[in-house]
Amino acid sequence: DFHVALGFSPIYIYDNSIEFQLNNTPYSSNNSSWYETREDIQNHVRLIHFPESPVQNPAYERCIQRDAKKSTFVALIDVDE
């Protein structure tokens, strides 16, 4: 929410879980995923299933060379660091 409110868009989220948890894990009582419950950000956030190991450098490379190739600015943020 914070980054979208500041105007960052699109935001690419790479999910390296085997089962694509961010898109497939029930988040609400109607078994919708986190992404499905957030229609307000679906135009700004792209979920990308990326089940590789190790994931960090290949995901960064894919983002820079493919997904955000036409973007003016790119910030690479690892959520657990």
PDB file of N, CA and C in Angstrom:
ATOM      1  N   ASP A   1       0.819  -1.195   0.000  1.00  0.00           N
ATOM      2  CA  ASP A   1       0.000   0.000   0.000  1.00  0.00           C
ATOM      3  C   ASP A   1       0.867   1.264   0.000  1.00  0.00           C
ATOM      4  N   PHE A   2       1.919   1.262   0.814  1.00  0.00           N
ATOM      5  CA  PHE A   2       2.765   2.442   0.948  1.00  0.00           C
ATOM      6  C   PHE A   2       3.407   2.815  -0.386  1.00  0.00           C
ATOM      7  N   HIS A   3       4.023   1.852  -1.052  1.00  0.00           N
ATOM      8  CA  HIS A   3       4.722   2.142  -2.304  1.00  0.00           C
ATOM      9  C   HIS A   3       3.757   2.531  -3.421  1.00  0.00           C
ATOM     10  N   VAL A   4       2.602   1.892  -3.470  1.00  0.00           N
ATOM     11  CA  VAL A   4       1.583   2.266  -4.462  1.00  0.00           C
ATOM     12  C   VAL A   4       1.098   3.685  -4.196  1.00  0.00           C
ATOM     13  N   ALA A   5       0.881   4.033  -2.925  1.00  0.00           N
ATOM     14  CA  ALA A   5       0.430   5.381  -2.573  1.00  0.00           C
ATOM     15  C   ALA A   5       1.459   6.441  -2.979  1.00  0.00           C
ATOM     16  N   LEU A   6       2.730   6.074  -2.970  1.00  0.00           N
ATOM     17  CA  LEU A   6       3.774   7.012  -3.391  1.00  0.00           C
ATOM     18  C   LEU A   6       3.888   7.125  -4.904  1.00  0.00           C
ATOM     19  N   GLY A   7       3.190   6.248  -5.623  1.00  0.00           N
ATOM     20  CA  GLY A   7       3.195   6.328  -7.076  1.00  0.00           C
ATOM     21  C   GLY A   7       4.046   5.286  -7.767  1.00  0.00           C
ATOM     22  N   PHE A   8       4.627   4.357  -7.021  1.00  0.00           N
ATOM     23  CA  PHE A   8       5.418   3.297  -7.638  1.00  0.00           C
ATOM     24  C   PHE A   8       4.480   2.308  -8.314  1.00  0.00           C
ATOM     25  N   SER A   9       4.690   2.094  -9.599  1.00  0.00           N
ATOM     26  CA  SER A   9       3.859   1.160 -10.344  1.00  0.00           C
ATOM     27  C   SER A   9       4.512   0.933 -11.701  1.00  0.00           C
ATOM     28  N   PRO A  10       4.585  -0.271 -12.156  1.00  0.00           N
ATOM     29  CA  PRO A  10       4.134  -1.485 -11.501  1.00  0.00           C
ATOM     30  C   PRO A  10       5.142  -1.970 -10.465  1.00  0.00           C
ATOM     31  N   ILE A  11       4.654  -2.782  -9.564  1.00  0.00           N
ATOM     32  CA  ILE A  11       5.485  -3.448  -8.566  1.00  0.00           C
ATOM     33  C   ILE A  11       5.472  -4.927  -8.905  1.00  0.00           C
ATOM     34  N   TYR A  12       6.655  -5.507  -9.029  1.00  0.00           N
ATOM     35  CA  TYR A  12       6.775  -6.928  -9.348  1.00  0.00           C
ATOM     36  C   TYR A  12       7.134  -7.681  -8.082  1.00  0.00           C
ATOM     37  N   ILE A  13       6.344  -8.689  -7.765  1.00  0.00           N
ATOM     38  CA  ILE A  13       6.624  -9.543  -6.608  1.00  0.00           C
ATOM     39  C   ILE A  13       6.913 -10.941  -7.135  1.00  0.00           C
ATOM     40  N   TYR A  14       8.104 -11.435  -6.845  1.00  0.00           N
ATOM     41  CA  TYR A  14       8.512 -12.768  -7.278  1.00  0.00           C
ATOM     42  C   TYR A  14       8.314 -13.736  -6.126  1.00  0.00           C
ATOM     43  N   ASP A  15       7.452 -14.700  -6.330  1.00  0.00           N
ATOM     44  CA  ASP A  15       7.156 -15.717  -5.318  1.00  0.00           C
ATOM     45  C   ASP A  15       7.902 -16.984  -5.711  1.00  0.00           C
ATOM     46  N   ASN A  16       8.899 -17.367  -4.900  1.00  0.00           N
ATOM     47  CA  ASN A  16       9.689 -18.540  -5.249  1.00  0.00           C
ATOM     48  C   ASN A  16       9.210 -19.820  -4.566  1.00  0.00           C
ATOM     49  N   SER A  17       8.037 -19.794  -3.963  1.00  0.00           N
ATOM     50  CA  SER A  17       7.494 -21.021  -3.376  1.00  0.00           C
ATOM     51  C   SER A  17       7.065 -21.978  -4.491  1.00  0.00           C
ATOM     52  N   ILE A  18       7.195 -23.252  -4.252  1.00  0.00           N
ATOM     53  CA  ILE A  18       6.818 -24.257  -5.243  1.00  0.00           C
ATOM     54  C   ILE A  18       5.333 -24.152  -5.592  1.00  0.00           C
ATOM     55  N   GLU A  19       4.503 -23.937  -4.577  1.00  0.00           N
ATOM     56  CA  GLU A  19       3.047 -23.935  -4.778  1.00  0.00           C
ATOM     57  C   GLU A  19       2.470 -22.553  -5.065  1.00  0.00           C
ATOM     58  N   PHE A  20       3.303 -21.548  -5.331  1.00  0.00           N
ATOM     59  CA  PHE A  20       2.866 -20.183  -5.645  1.00  0.00           C
ATOM     60  C   PHE A  20       1.933 -19.667  -4.547  1.00  0.00           C
ATOM     61  N   GLN A  21       2.460 -19.607  -3.333  1.00  0.00           N
ATOM     62  CA  GLN A  21       1.678 -19.298  -2.135  1.00  0.00           C
ATOM     63  C   GLN A  21       0.930 -17.971  -2.190  1.00  0.00           C
ATOM     64  N   LEU A  22       1.538 -16.928  -2.701  1.00  0.00           N
ATOM     65  CA  LEU A  22       0.859 -15.626  -2.713  1.00  0.00           C
ATOM     66  C   LEU A  22      -0.388 -15.632  -3.588  1.00  0.00           C
ATOM     67  N   ASN A  23      -0.404 -16.475  -4.580  1.00  0.00           N
ATOM     68  CA  ASN A  23      -1.552 -16.523  -5.481  1.00  0.00           C
ATOM     69  C   ASN A  23      -2.536 -17.636  -5.132  1.00  0.00           C
ATOM     70  N   ASN A  24      -2.084 -18.664  -4.434  1.00  0.00           N
ATOM     71  CA  ASN A  24      -2.927 -19.842  -4.229  1.00  0.00           C
ATOM     72  C   ASN A  24      -3.330 -20.133  -2.793  1.00  0.00           C
ATOM     73  N   THR A  25      -2.698 -19.513  -1.814  1.00  0.00           N
ATOM     74  CA  THR A  25      -3.030 -19.788  -0.425  1.00  0.00           C
ATOM     75  C   THR A  25      -4.262 -18.988  -0.012  1.00  0.00           C
ATOM     76  N   PRO A  26      -5.298 -19.656   0.512  1.00  0.00           N
ATOM     77  CA  PRO A  26      -6.489 -18.924   0.956  1.00  0.00           C
ATOM     78  C   PRO A  26      -6.132 -17.892   2.027  1.00  0.00           C
ATOM     79  N   TYR A  27      -6.653 -16.703   1.841  1.00  0.00           N
ATOM     80  CA  TYR A  27      -6.355 -15.589   2.738  1.00  0.00           C
ATOM     81  C   TYR A  27      -7.598 -15.129   3.484  1.00  0.00           C
ATOM     82  N   SER A  28      -8.756 -15.396   2.920  1.00  0.00           N
ATOM     83  CA  SER A  28     -10.002 -14.927   3.522  1.00  0.00           C
ATOM     84  C   SER A  28     -10.985 -16.091   3.665  1.00  0.00           C
ATOM     85  N   SER A  29     -12.099 -15.824   4.269  1.00  0.00           N
ATOM     86  CA  SER A  29     -13.090 -16.859   4.526  1.00  0.00           C
ATOM     87  C   SER A  29     -13.701 -17.431   3.244  1.00  0.00           C
ATOM     88  N   ASN A  30     -13.613 -16.714   2.137  1.00  0.00           N
ATOM     89  CA  ASN A  30     -14.165 -17.237   0.887  1.00  0.00           C
ATOM     90  C   ASN A  30     -13.107 -17.929   0.020  1.00  0.00           C
ATOM     91  N   ASN A  31     -11.983 -18.292   0.640  1.00  0.00           N
ATOM     92  CA  ASN A  31     -10.876 -19.006  -0.005  1.00  0.00           C
ATOM     93  C   ASN A  31     -10.184 -18.219  -1.114  1.00  0.00           C
ATOM     94  N   SER A  32     -10.296 -16.926  -1.090  1.00  0.00           N
ATOM     95  CA  SER A  32      -9.578 -16.089  -2.043  1.00  0.00           C
ATOM     96  C   SER A  32      -8.146 -15.894  -1.571  1.00  0.00           C
ATOM     97  N   SER A  33      -7.233 -15.770  -2.518  1.00  0.00           N
ATOM     98  CA  SER A  33      -5.842 -15.504  -2.166  1.00  0.00           C
ATOM     99  C   SER A  33      -5.676 -14.043  -1.770  1.00  0.00           C
ATOM    100  N   TRP A  34      -4.516 -13.726  -1.200  1.00  0.00           N
ATOM    101  CA  TRP A  34      -4.220 -12.334  -0.834  1.00  0.00           C
ATOM    102  C   TRP A  34      -4.386 -11.425  -2.052  1.00  0.00           C
ATOM    103  N   TYR A  35      -3.852 -11.831  -3.165  1.00  0.00           N
ATOM    104  CA  TYR A  35      -3.911 -11.011  -4.380  1.00  0.00           C
ATOM    105  C   TYR A  35      -5.346 -10.832  -4.861  1.00  0.00           C
ATOM    106  N   GLU A  36      -6.139 -11.880  -4.816  1.00  0.00           N
ATOM    107  CA  GLU A  36      -7.536 -11.796  -5.268  1.00  0.00           C
ATOM    108  C   GLU A  36      -8.373 -10.876  -4.383  1.00  0.00           C
ATOM    109  N   THR A  37      -8.025 -10.782  -3.108  1.00  0.00           N
ATOM    110  CA  THR A  37      -8.791  -9.920  -2.203  1.00  0.00           C
ATOM    111  C   THR A  37      -8.446  -8.446  -2.380  1.00  0.00           C
ATOM    112  N   ARG A  38      -7.360  -8.151  -3.084  1.00  0.00           N
ATOM    113  CA  ARG A  38      -6.889  -6.770  -3.229  1.00  0.00           C
ATOM    114  C   ARG A  38      -7.101  -6.237  -4.637  1.00  0.00           C
ATOM    115  N   GLU A  39      -8.341  -6.122  -5.045  1.00  0.00           N
ATOM    116  CA  GLU A  39      -8.649  -5.596  -6.377  1.00  0.00           C
ATOM    117  C   GLU A  39      -8.133  -4.171  -6.564  1.00  0.00           C
ATOM    118  N   ASP A  40      -7.980  -3.448  -5.461  1.00  0.00           N
ATOM    119  CA  ASP A  40      -7.510  -2.070  -5.527  1.00  0.00           C
ATOM    120  C   ASP A  40      -6.062  -1.941  -5.994  1.00  0.00           C
ATOM    121  N   ILE A  41      -5.273  -2.995  -5.879  1.00  0.00           N
ATOM    122  CA  ILE A  41      -3.863  -2.897  -6.286  1.00  0.00           C
ATOM    123  C   ILE A  41      -3.514  -3.771  -7.480  1.00  0.00           C
ATOM    124  N   GLN A  42      -4.457  -4.493  -8.024  1.00  0.00           N
ATOM    125  CA  GLN A  42      -4.152  -5.428  -9.105  1.00  0.00           C
ATOM    126  C   GLN A  42      -3.643  -4.735 -10.371  1.00  0.00           C
ATOM    127  N   ASN A  43      -3.958  -3.473 -10.562  1.00  0.00           N
ATOM    128  CA  ASN A  43      -3.417  -2.739 -11.704  1.00  0.00           C
ATOM    129  C   ASN A  43      -1.979  -2.296 -11.471  1.00  0.00           C
ATOM    130  N   HIS A  44      -1.521  -2.374 -10.221  1.00  0.00           N
ATOM    131  CA  HIS A  44      -0.189  -1.881  -9.868  1.00  0.00           C
ATOM    132  C   HIS A  44       0.794  -2.979  -9.496  1.00  0.00           C
ATOM    133  N   VAL A  45       0.301  -4.128  -9.073  1.00  0.00           N
ATOM    134  CA  VAL A  45       1.161  -5.201  -8.569  1.00  0.00           C
ATOM    135  C   VAL A  45       1.072  -6.411  -9.488  1.00  0.00           C
ATOM    136  N   ARG A  46       2.224  -6.921  -9.876  1.00  0.00           N
ATOM    137  CA  ARG A  46       2.300  -8.120 -10.709  1.00  0.00           C
ATOM    138  C   ARG A  46       2.940  -9.243  -9.890  1.00  0.00           C
ATOM    139  N   LEU A  47       2.216 -10.337  -9.733  1.00  0.00           N
ATOM    140  CA  LEU A  47       2.770 -11.513  -9.057  1.00  0.00           C
ATOM    141  C   LEU A  47       3.407 -12.411 -10.102  1.00  0.00           C
ATOM    142  N   ILE A  48       4.633 -12.828  -9.830  1.00  0.00           N
ATOM    143  CA  ILE A  48       5.357 -13.678 -10.765  1.00  0.00           C
ATOM    144  C   ILE A  48       5.824 -14.926 -10.023  1.00  0.00           C
ATOM    145  N   HIS A  49       5.387 -16.076 -10.513  1.00  0.00           N
ATOM    146  CA  HIS A  49       5.813 -17.346  -9.928  1.00  0.00           C
ATOM    147  C   HIS A  49       7.225 -17.619 -10.420  1.00  0.00           C
ATOM    148  N   PHE A  50       8.153 -17.761  -9.482  1.00  0.00           N
ATOM    149  CA  PHE A  50       9.572 -17.885  -9.820  1.00  0.00           C
ATOM    150  C   PHE A  50      10.216 -18.920  -8.897  1.00  0.00           C
ATOM    151  N   PRO A  51       9.845 -20.205  -9.059  1.00  0.00           N
ATOM    152  CA  PRO A  51      10.321 -21.243  -8.131  1.00  0.00           C
ATOM    153  C   PRO A  51      11.733 -21.728  -8.433  1.00  0.00           C
ATOM    154  N   GLU A  52      12.691 -20.839  -8.385  1.00  0.00           N
ATOM    155  CA  GLU A  52      14.083 -21.213  -8.611  1.00  0.00           C
ATOM    156  C   GLU A  52      14.855 -21.150  -7.311  1.00  0.00           C
ATOM    157  N   SER A  53      15.942 -21.879  -7.269  1.00  0.00           N
ATOM    158  CA  SER A  53      16.800 -21.858  -6.093  1.00  0.00           C
ATOM    159  C   SER A  53      18.248 -21.920  -6.554  1.00  0.00           C
ATOM    160  N   PRO A  54      19.106 -21.012  -6.145  1.00  0.00           N
ATOM    161  CA  PRO A  54      18.794 -19.809  -5.376  1.00  0.00           C
ATOM    162  C   PRO A  54      17.994 -18.837  -6.239  1.00  0.00           C
ATOM    163  N   VAL A  55      17.271 -17.973  -5.576  1.00  0.00           N
ATOM    164  CA  VAL A  55      16.322 -17.131  -6.307  1.00  0.00           C
ATOM    165  C   VAL A  55      16.742 -15.676  -6.456  1.00  0.00           C
ATOM    166  N   GLN A  56      17.476 -15.147  -5.514  1.00  0.00           N
ATOM    167  CA  GLN A  56      17.683 -13.702  -5.474  1.00  0.00           C
ATOM    168  C   GLN A  56      18.306 -13.130  -6.748  1.00  0.00           C
ATOM    169  N   ASN A  57      19.476 -13.572  -7.127  1.00  0.00           N
ATOM    170  CA  ASN A  57      20.131 -12.996  -8.304  1.00  0.00           C
ATOM    171  C   ASN A  57      19.376 -13.283  -9.600  1.00  0.00           C
ATOM    172  N   PRO A  58      18.888 -14.524  -9.824  1.00  0.00           N
ATOM    173  CA  PRO A  58      18.096 -14.742 -11.049  1.00  0.00           C
ATOM    174  C   PRO A  58      16.827 -13.891 -11.107  1.00  0.00           C
ATOM    175  N   ALA A  59      16.184 -13.679  -9.976  1.00  0.00           N
ATOM    176  CA  ALA A  59      14.983 -12.834  -9.960  1.00  0.00           C
ATOM    177  C   ALA A  59      15.346 -11.386 -10.267  1.00  0.00           C
ATOM    178  N   TYR A  60      16.438 -10.893  -9.710  1.00  0.00           N
ATOM    179  CA  TYR A  60      16.886  -9.528 -10.002  1.00  0.00           C
ATOM    180  C   TYR A  60      17.180  -9.383 -11.497  1.00  0.00           C
ATOM    181  N   GLU A  61      17.885 -10.361 -12.064  1.00  0.00           N
ATOM    182  CA  GLU A  61      18.227 -10.308 -13.480  1.00  0.00           C
ATOM    183  C   GLU A  61      16.971 -10.312 -14.351  1.00  0.00           C
ATOM    184  N   ARG A  62      16.012 -11.165 -14.009  1.00  0.00           N
ATOM    185  CA  ARG A  62      14.772 -11.209 -14.793  1.00  0.00           C
ATOM    186  C   ARG A  62      14.044  -9.875 -14.713  1.00  0.00           C
ATOM    187  N   CYS A  63      13.994  -9.309 -13.535  1.00  0.00           N
ATOM    188  CA  CYS A  63      13.304  -8.028 -13.359  1.00  0.00           C
ATOM    189  C   CYS A  63      13.945  -6.952 -14.227  1.00  0.00           C
ATOM    190  N   ILE A  64      15.241  -6.827 -14.148  1.00  0.00           N
ATOM    191  CA  ILE A  64      15.951  -5.769 -14.873  1.00  0.00           C
ATOM    192  C   ILE A  64      15.915  -5.993 -16.379  1.00  0.00           C
ATOM    193  N   GLN A  65      16.134  -7.224 -16.805  1.00  0.00           N
ATOM    194  CA  GLN A  65      16.263  -7.504 -18.232  1.00  0.00           C
ATOM    195  C   GLN A  65      14.938  -7.747 -18.948  1.00  0.00           C
ATOM    196  N   ARG A  66      13.886  -8.118 -18.195  1.00  0.00           N
ATOM    197  CA  ARG A  66      12.635  -8.477 -18.855  1.00  0.00           C
ATOM    198  C   ARG A  66      11.421  -7.705 -18.333  1.00  0.00           C
ATOM    199  N   ASP A  67      11.090  -7.900 -17.075  1.00  0.00           N
ATOM    200  CA  ASP A  67       9.831  -7.370 -16.552  1.00  0.00           C
ATOM    201  C   ASP A  67       9.834  -5.848 -16.425  1.00  0.00           C
ATOM    202  N   ALA A  68      10.906  -5.279 -15.940  1.00  0.00           N
ATOM    203  CA  ALA A  68      10.969  -3.823 -15.747  1.00  0.00           C
ATOM    204  C   ALA A  68      11.888  -3.159 -16.767  1.00  0.00           C
ATOM    205  N   LYS A  69      12.083  -3.812 -17.881  1.00  0.00           N
ATOM    206  CA  LYS A  69      13.020  -3.326 -18.896  1.00  0.00           C
ATOM    207  C   LYS A  69      12.720  -1.907 -19.360  1.00  0.00           C
ATOM    208  N   LYS A  70      11.462  -1.549 -19.468  1.00  0.00           N
ATOM    209  CA  LYS A  70      11.084  -0.228 -19.967  1.00  0.00           C
ATOM    210  C   LYS A  70      10.851   0.787 -18.853  1.00  0.00           C
ATOM    211  N   SER A  71      11.110   0.388 -17.616  1.00  0.00           N
ATOM    212  CA  SER A  71      10.906   1.296 -16.484  1.00  0.00           C
ATOM    213  C   SER A  71      12.049   2.290 -16.378  1.00  0.00           C
ATOM    214  N   THR A  72      11.742   3.485 -15.921  1.00  0.00           N
ATOM    215  CA  THR A  72      12.768   4.507 -15.724  1.00  0.00           C
ATOM    216  C   THR A  72      13.592   4.210 -14.482  1.00  0.00           C
ATOM    217  N   PHE A  73      12.925   3.784 -13.403  1.00  0.00           N
ATOM    218  CA  PHE A  73      13.593   3.471 -12.149  1.00  0.00           C
ATOM    219  C   PHE A  73      13.186   2.081 -11.695  1.00  0.00           C
ATOM    220  N   VAL A  74      14.128   1.397 -11.044  1.00  0.00           N
ATOM    221  CA  VAL A  74      13.855   0.074 -10.479  1.00  0.00           C
ATOM    222  C   VAL A  74      14.516  -0.004  -9.108  1.00  0.00           C
ATOM    223  N   ALA A  75      13.754  -0.435  -8.116  1.00  0.00           N
ATOM    224  CA  ALA A  75      14.310  -0.698  -6.789  1.00  0.00           C
ATOM    225  C   ALA A  75      14.170  -2.198  -6.534  1.00  0.00           C
ATOM    226  N   LEU A  76      15.247  -2.816  -6.133  1.00  0.00           N
ATOM    227  CA  LEU A  76      15.242  -4.252  -5.862  1.00  0.00           C
ATOM    228  C   LEU A  76      15.274  -4.422  -4.343  1.00  0.00           C
ATOM    229  N   ILE A  77      14.180  -4.929  -3.792  1.00  0.00           N
ATOM    230  CA  ILE A  77      14.036  -5.033  -2.352  1.00  0.00           C
ATOM    231  C   ILE A  77      13.781  -6.487  -1.975  1.00  0.00           C
ATOM    232  N   ASP A  78      14.618  -7.030  -1.111  1.00  0.00           N
ATOM    233  CA  ASP A  78      14.420  -8.394  -0.612  1.00  0.00           C
ATOM    234  C   ASP A  78      13.730  -8.269   0.731  1.00  0.00           C
ATOM    235  N   VAL A  79      12.546  -8.836   0.856  1.00  0.00           N
ATOM    236  CA  VAL A  79      11.727  -8.611   2.050  1.00  0.00           C
ATOM    237  C   VAL A  79      12.310  -9.182   3.326  1.00  0.00           C
ATOM    238  N   ASP A  80      13.236 -10.120   3.242  1.00  0.00           N
ATOM    239  CA  ASP A  80      13.783 -10.683   4.483  1.00  0.00           C
ATOM    240  C   ASP A  80      15.165 -10.137   4.825  1.00  0.00           C
ATOM    241  N   GLU A  81      15.559  -9.055   4.212  1.00  0.00           N
ATOM    242  CA  GLU A  81      16.858  -8.437   4.542  1.00  0.00           C
ATOM    243  C   GLU A  81      16.659  -7.024   5.031  1.00  0.00           C
TER     244      GLU A  81
END
